[in-house]
């Protein structure tokens, strides 16, 4: 794909985000900014959380691990599922009972203001570092495959990053959580379509159908999922329990993730949102692992043909 066409796709994508921001920010107030007027559809919230949990890092790290660790990452994802159940049945009832806007208000009520400020500070620190790392990776890919290949423009890395940040600020500045619920859903759609189209492209290159692709992945050496050697990092209890704690910490105790859930109309809808989000996360991660297996198979076959 040519760099110019990639730029067109990026511009169309941001235009869609800005369009959604303009529609959702009309007649917005403080309540819509922080809680979405408690009117966010649970299905949209659930789908949008996928884009908040995944990123460009997922496209590189999860498929990339398949060559060495097979489908062991699914052990972690299964732990996520249990962690989300804990969030749904323990944390969300507390948040809704206290009618919280910020989940760290609970820390103030339970342990005092110092604890509340400490928790909020760690959230800001972790989000800043995490977002910076994800932005750096995504911007680096765009720089390498787009701007560095268009020599006549000479767009430096710092400028491309600045433009991306400015565009993100534009579509989040006015609408707050009411806008993010819908823009995150759009991002989730493109993330999921991206991995599906990648699988389809590799299948086409291998000249096989969708059903043949499923069989090829299922019969490959890469689909081993459960590992029982306690001396390795892929040991099932380590991965599973790690997934439980990661889900609770990175979702249930994260203001950004929970604020979307608190914008649902009621506790039952928020719980329904978390359940279906956890189911979809299982399926999406299975797609990413299948993509990793296909990449390994594709590389092996192409390497064999070259030799």
Protein backbone atom coordinates (compact mmCIF):
# COMPACT_ATOMS: atom_id res chain seq x y z
CA UNK A 1 0.00 0.00 0.00
CA UNK A 2 1.36 3.41 -0.96
CA UNK A 3 2.17 6.01 1.76
CA UNK A 4 -0.29 8.43 0.18
CA UNK A 5 -3.17 5.98 0.47
CA UNK A 6 -2.27 5.28 4.11
CA UNK A 7 -2.40 9.03 4.83
CA UNK A 8 -5.84 9.22 3.20
CA UNK A 9 -7.09 6.39 5.46
CA UNK A 10 -5.66 8.13 8.54
CA UNK A 11 -7.32 11.43 7.59
CA UNK A 12 -10.67 9.74 6.95
CA UNK A 13 -10.38 7.94 10.29
CA UNK A 14 -9.73 11.15 12.21
CA UNK A 15 -12.50 12.90 10.27
CA UNK A 16 -14.92 10.23 11.50
CA UNK A 17 -13.69 10.70 15.07
CA UNK A 18 -14.11 14.46 14.84
CA UNK A 19 -17.59 14.01 13.36
CA UNK A 20 -18.63 11.78 16.25
CA UNK A 21 -17.13 14.29 18.71
CA UNK A 22 -19.10 17.14 17.15
CA UNK A 23 -22.39 15.22 17.30
CA UNK A 24 -21.95 13.93 20.86
CA UNK A 25 -20.64 17.22 22.29
CA UNK A 26 -23.67 19.28 21.25
CA UNK A 27 -25.65 20.50 24.29
CA UNK A 28 -23.09 18.85 26.53
CA UNK A 29 -22.61 19.90 30.15
CA UNK A 30 -20.53 18.84 33.13
CA UNK A 31 -22.75 15.82 33.73
CA UNK A 32 -22.37 14.57 30.16
CA UNK A 33 -18.62 15.24 30.29
CA UNK A 34 -18.02 13.14 33.42
CA UNK A 35 -20.86 10.58 33.45
CA UNK A 36 -22.39 10.70 29.95
CA UNK A 37 -25.70 11.69 31.61
CA UNK A 38 -25.92 8.06 32.76
CA UNK A 39 -27.33 7.22 29.35
CA UNK A 40 -24.56 5.29 27.59
CA UNK A 41 -25.84 2.09 25.88
CA UNK A 42 -24.18 -0.89 27.56
CA UNK A 43 -23.48 -2.61 24.24
CA UNK A 44 -21.56 0.43 22.93
CA UNK A 45 -19.62 0.70 26.20
CA UNK A 46 -18.69 -3.00 26.06
CA UNK A 47 -17.51 -2.81 22.46
CA UNK A 48 -15.63 0.44 23.07
CA UNK A 49 -13.70 -1.06 25.97
CA UNK A 50 -12.02 -3.43 23.52
CA UNK A 51 -10.24 -0.52 21.87
CA UNK A 52 -9.21 0.77 25.30
CA UNK A 53 -7.78 -2.61 26.30
CA UNK A 54 -6.00 -3.27 23.00
CA UNK A 55 -3.65 -1.06 21.03
CA UNK A 56 -0.99 -1.09 18.35
CA UNK A 57 1.21 -2.87 20.89
CA UNK A 58 -1.22 -5.81 20.82
CA UNK A 59 -0.75 -6.17 17.06
CA UNK A 60 2.99 -6.63 17.57
CA UNK A 61 3.32 -8.37 20.93
CA UNK A 62 0.53 -10.99 20.96
CA UNK A 63 1.08 -12.47 17.44
CA UNK A 64 4.83 -12.11 17.94
CA UNK A 65 4.83 -14.36 21.02
CA UNK A 66 3.21 -17.28 19.20
CA UNK A 67 6.49 -18.41 17.60
CA UNK A 68 8.10 -19.08 20.99
CA UNK A 69 5.21 -19.56 23.41
CA UNK A 70 2.41 -20.88 21.17
CA UNK A 71 -1.08 -20.03 22.47
CA UNK A 72 0.08 -19.72 26.10
CA UNK A 73 -1.22 -16.13 26.17
CA UNK A 74 -4.76 -17.56 26.33
CA UNK A 75 -4.01 -18.71 29.88
CA UNK A 76 -3.64 -15.03 30.83
CA UNK A 77 -6.83 -14.14 28.94
CA UNK A 78 -8.77 -16.83 30.82
CA UNK A 79 -7.55 -15.16 34.00
CA UNK A 80 -8.89 -11.87 32.65
CA UNK A 81 -12.33 -13.47 32.40
CA UNK A 82 -12.34 -14.33 36.12
CA UNK A 83 -11.00 -10.88 36.97
CA UNK A 84 -13.85 -9.26 35.05
CA UNK A 85 -16.34 -11.36 37.02
CA UNK A 86 -14.79 -9.99 40.23
CA UNK A 87 -15.17 -6.46 38.89
CA UNK A 88 -18.77 -7.08 37.88
CA UNK A 89 -19.94 -8.63 41.16
CA UNK A 90 -17.75 -6.88 43.76
CA UNK A 91 -16.40 -3.54 42.53
CA UNK A 92 -19.24 -2.28 40.33
CA UNK A 93 -21.92 -2.70 43.06
CA UNK A 94 -19.74 -0.60 45.39
CA UNK A 95 -19.23 2.11 42.77
CA UNK A 96 -22.92 2.30 41.90
CA UNK A 97 -24.09 2.17 45.52
CA UNK A 98 -21.88 5.17 46.31
CA UNK A 99 -22.91 6.93 43.07
CA UNK A 100 -19.27 7.72 42.27
CA UNK A 101 -17.94 9.92 39.49
CA UNK A 102 -14.33 9.12 40.36
CA UNK A 103 -13.70 5.61 41.67
CA UNK A 104 -10.90 6.98 43.84
CA UNK A 105 -13.53 8.74 45.95
CA UNK A 106 -14.09 5.32 47.51
CA UNK A 107 -10.48 5.34 48.74
CA UNK A 108 -11.12 8.67 50.46
CA UNK A 109 -14.27 7.38 52.12
CA UNK A 110 -12.69 4.11 53.20
CA UNK A 111 -9.08 5.07 53.99
CA UNK A 112 -8.76 8.86 53.92
CA UNK A 113 -7.69 11.67 51.62
CA UNK A 114 -3.99 10.74 51.48
CA UNK A 115 -4.84 7.25 50.19
CA UNK A 116 -7.27 8.76 47.67
CA UNK A 117 -4.63 11.16 46.33
CA UNK A 118 -2.04 8.38 46.21
CA UNK A 119 -4.35 6.12 44.18
CA UNK A 120 -5.29 8.94 41.81
CA UNK A 121 -1.62 9.91 41.39
CA UNK A 122 -0.65 6.35 40.49
CA UNK A 123 -3.48 6.30 37.94
CA UNK A 124 -2.23 9.50 36.30
CA UNK A 125 1.36 8.23 36.32
CA UNK A 126 0.52 4.80 34.87
CA UNK A 127 -1.79 6.25 32.23
CA UNK A 128 0.78 8.85 31.18
CA UNK A 129 3.58 6.30 30.84
CA UNK A 130 1.35 3.70 29.15
CA UNK A 131 -0.22 6.14 26.71
CA UNK A 132 3.19 7.61 25.89
CA UNK A 133 4.63 4.17 25.14
CA UNK A 134 1.68 3.18 22.94
CA UNK A 135 1.77 6.51 21.11
CA UNK A 136 5.51 6.21 20.57
CA UNK A 137 5.12 2.75 19.04
CA UNK A 138 2.18 3.71 16.79
CA UNK A 139 3.80 6.97 15.70
CA UNK A 140 7.05 5.12 15.03
CA UNK A 141 5.30 2.70 12.70
CA UNK A 142 3.57 5.56 10.84
CA UNK A 143 6.88 7.42 10.61
CA UNK A 144 8.74 4.39 9.22
CA UNK A 145 6.12 3.22 6.73
CA UNK A 146 4.62 6.56 5.67
CA UNK A 147 6.54 9.77 6.31
CA UNK A 148 10.05 8.36 5.87
CA UNK A 149 8.98 6.97 2.49
CA UNK A 150 7.75 10.36 1.26
CA UNK A 151 11.08 12.09 0.86
CA UNK A 152 9.72 15.31 -0.65
CA UNK A 153 7.83 16.26 2.55
CA UNK A 154 10.61 15.59 5.09
CA UNK A 155 8.18 15.27 8.02
CA UNK A 156 10.23 14.78 11.23
CA UNK A 157 9.13 12.35 13.93
CA UNK A 158 8.37 15.10 16.49
CA UNK A 159 6.01 16.82 14.07
CA UNK A 160 4.04 13.67 13.24
CA UNK A 161 3.62 12.96 16.97
CA UNK A 162 2.50 16.55 17.60
CA UNK A 163 -0.11 16.32 14.84
CA UNK A 164 -1.49 13.05 16.22
CA UNK A 165 -1.74 14.46 19.77
CA UNK A 166 -3.44 17.63 18.48
CA UNK A 167 -6.05 15.58 16.60
CA UNK A 168 -6.73 13.47 19.69
CA UNK A 169 -7.21 16.59 21.81
CA UNK A 170 -9.64 17.99 19.25
CA UNK A 171 -12.07 15.08 19.46
CA UNK A 172 -11.90 14.64 23.26
CA UNK A 173 -11.79 18.26 24.45
CA UNK A 174 -15.52 19.08 24.44
CA UNK A 175 -17.46 15.86 24.77
CA UNK A 176 -15.65 14.07 27.59
CA UNK A 177 -16.82 10.56 28.47
CA UNK A 178 -19.95 10.94 26.33
CA UNK A 179 -17.74 11.34 23.27
CA UNK A 180 -15.18 8.72 24.31
CA UNK A 181 -17.83 6.00 24.62
CA UNK A 182 -18.62 6.37 20.90
CA UNK A 183 -15.14 7.16 19.58
CA UNK A 184 -13.74 4.15 21.44
CA UNK A 185 -16.36 1.98 19.73
CA UNK A 186 -15.19 3.25 16.35
CA UNK A 187 -11.58 2.52 17.29
CA UNK A 188 -12.56 -0.97 18.47
CA UNK A 189 -14.26 -1.60 15.14
CA UNK A 190 -11.13 -0.69 13.20
CA UNK A 191 -8.90 -2.73 15.54
CA UNK A 192 -11.04 -5.85 15.10
CA UNK A 193 -11.41 -5.33 11.35
CA UNK A 194 -7.65 -4.86 11.12
CA UNK A 195 -6.85 -8.29 12.53
CA UNK A 196 -9.64 -9.94 10.46
CA UNK A 197 -8.39 -8.33 7.24
CA UNK A 198 -4.82 -9.36 8.12
CA UNK A 199 -5.92 -12.98 8.49
CA UNK A 200 -7.84 -12.75 5.21
CA UNK A 201 -4.83 -11.26 3.41
CA UNK A 202 -2.50 -14.04 4.59
CA UNK A 203 -5.09 -16.69 3.69
CA UNK A 204 -5.35 -15.19 0.22
CA UNK A 205 -1.57 -15.17 -0.14
CA UNK A 206 -1.47 -18.83 0.88
CA UNK A 207 -4.29 -19.48 -1.61
CA UNK A 208 -6.57 -21.16 0.92
CA UNK A 209 -10.18 -20.58 1.99
CA UNK A 210 -11.41 -19.42 5.39
CA UNK A 211 -12.32 -22.96 6.50
CA UNK A 212 -8.94 -24.22 5.31
CA UNK A 213 -7.30 -21.42 7.30
CA UNK A 214 -9.10 -22.50 10.47
CA UNK A 215 -8.00 -26.10 9.91
CA UNK A 216 -4.43 -25.03 9.12
CA UNK A 217 -4.15 -23.07 12.37
CA UNK A 218 -5.90 -25.76 14.45
CA UNK A 219 -3.59 -28.50 13.13
CA UNK A 220 -0.41 -26.46 13.51
CA UNK A 221 2.17 -26.86 16.26
CA UNK A 222 1.40 -23.40 17.60
CA UNK A 223 -2.02 -24.01 19.19
CA UNK A 224 -0.74 -25.66 22.37
CA UNK A 225 -2.38 -23.58 25.09
CA UNK A 226 -1.80 -25.02 28.57
CA UNK A 227 1.67 -25.45 30.05
CA UNK A 228 2.52 -27.16 33.32
CA UNK A 229 6.25 -26.68 33.84
CA UNK A 230 6.51 -24.63 37.09
CA UNK A 231 10.00 -23.42 36.16
CA UNK A 232 8.77 -21.54 33.07
CA UNK A 233 6.90 -18.25 32.77
CA UNK A 234 4.19 -20.04 30.77
CA UNK A 235 3.20 -22.17 33.80
CA UNK A 236 -0.63 -22.15 33.86
CA UNK A 237 -1.21 -21.04 37.51
CA UNK A 238 1.24 -18.14 37.07
CA UNK A 239 -0.42 -16.97 33.87
CA UNK A 240 -3.99 -17.51 35.06
CA UNK A 241 -3.61 -15.78 38.44
CA UNK A 242 -1.60 -13.03 36.78
CA UNK A 243 -4.49 -12.47 34.38
CA UNK A 244 -6.97 -12.22 37.27
CA UNK A 245 -4.94 -9.57 39.09
CA UNK A 246 -4.11 -7.66 35.90
CA UNK A 247 -7.80 -7.46 34.97
CA UNK A 248 -8.82 -6.20 38.42
CA UNK A 249 -5.97 -3.67 38.60
CA UNK A 250 -5.94 -2.46 34.98
CA UNK A 251 -9.73 -2.37 34.52
CA UNK A 252 -11.58 -2.47 37.82
CA UNK A 253 -9.24 0.00 39.56
CA UNK A 254 -8.65 2.20 36.52
CA UNK A 255 -10.64 5.44 36.37
CA UNK A 256 -10.59 5.60 32.56
CA UNK A 257 -12.08 2.13 32.17
CA UNK A 258 -14.54 2.35 35.05
CA UNK A 259 -15.80 5.81 34.13
CA UNK A 260 -17.27 4.32 30.96
CA UNK A 261 -19.02 1.64 33.00
CA UNK A 262 -20.36 4.24 35.42
CA UNK A 263 -21.95 6.06 32.48
CA UNK A 264 -24.36 3.15 31.94
CA UNK A 265 -28.00 3.62 32.97
CA UNK A 266 -27.91 1.15 35.87
CA UNK A 267 -25.81 -1.45 37.68
CA UNK A 268 -27.38 -4.42 35.82
CA UNK A 269 -26.54 -2.81 32.48
CA UNK A 270 -22.96 -2.13 33.62
CA UNK A 271 -22.62 -5.77 34.74
CA UNK A 272 -24.04 -6.97 31.43
CA UNK A 273 -21.51 -4.73 29.69
CA UNK A 274 -18.58 -6.27 31.61
CA UNK A 275 -19.74 -9.83 30.94
CA UNK A 276 -20.04 -9.41 27.18
CA UNK A 277 -16.84 -7.39 27.06
CA UNK A 278 -15.01 -10.33 28.68
CA UNK A 279 -16.53 -12.77 26.16
CA UNK A 280 -15.54 -10.60 23.19
CA UNK A 281 -12.04 -10.16 24.62
CA UNK A 282 -11.61 -13.93 24.60
CA UNK A 283 -12.61 -14.11 20.95
CA UNK A 284 -10.54 -11.11 19.85
CA UNK A 285 -7.40 -12.44 21.54
CA UNK A 286 -8.02 -15.78 19.87
CA UNK A 287 -8.01 -13.91 16.54
CA UNK A 288 -4.69 -12.25 17.41
CA UNK A 289 -3.11 -15.57 18.37
CA UNK A 290 -4.44 -17.17 15.17
CA UNK A 291 -2.88 -14.31 13.24
CA UNK A 292 0.44 -15.06 14.95
CA UNK A 293 0.19 -18.74 14.00
CA UNK A 294 -0.65 -17.81 10.40
CA UNK A 295 2.33 -15.46 10.22
CA UNK A 296 4.61 -18.27 11.39
CA UNK A 297 3.13 -20.68 8.83
CA UNK A 298 3.36 -18.05 6.08
CA UNK A 299 6.98 -17.26 6.90
CA UNK A 300 7.94 -20.95 7.01
CA UNK A 301 6.31 -21.69 3.65
CA UNK A 302 7.77 -18.65 1.92
CA UNK A 303 11.21 -19.40 3.35
CA UNK A 304 10.95 -22.98 2.09
CA UNK A 305 10.01 -21.75 -1.40
CA UNK A 306 12.99 -19.35 -1.47
CA UNK A 307 15.36 -22.14 -0.53
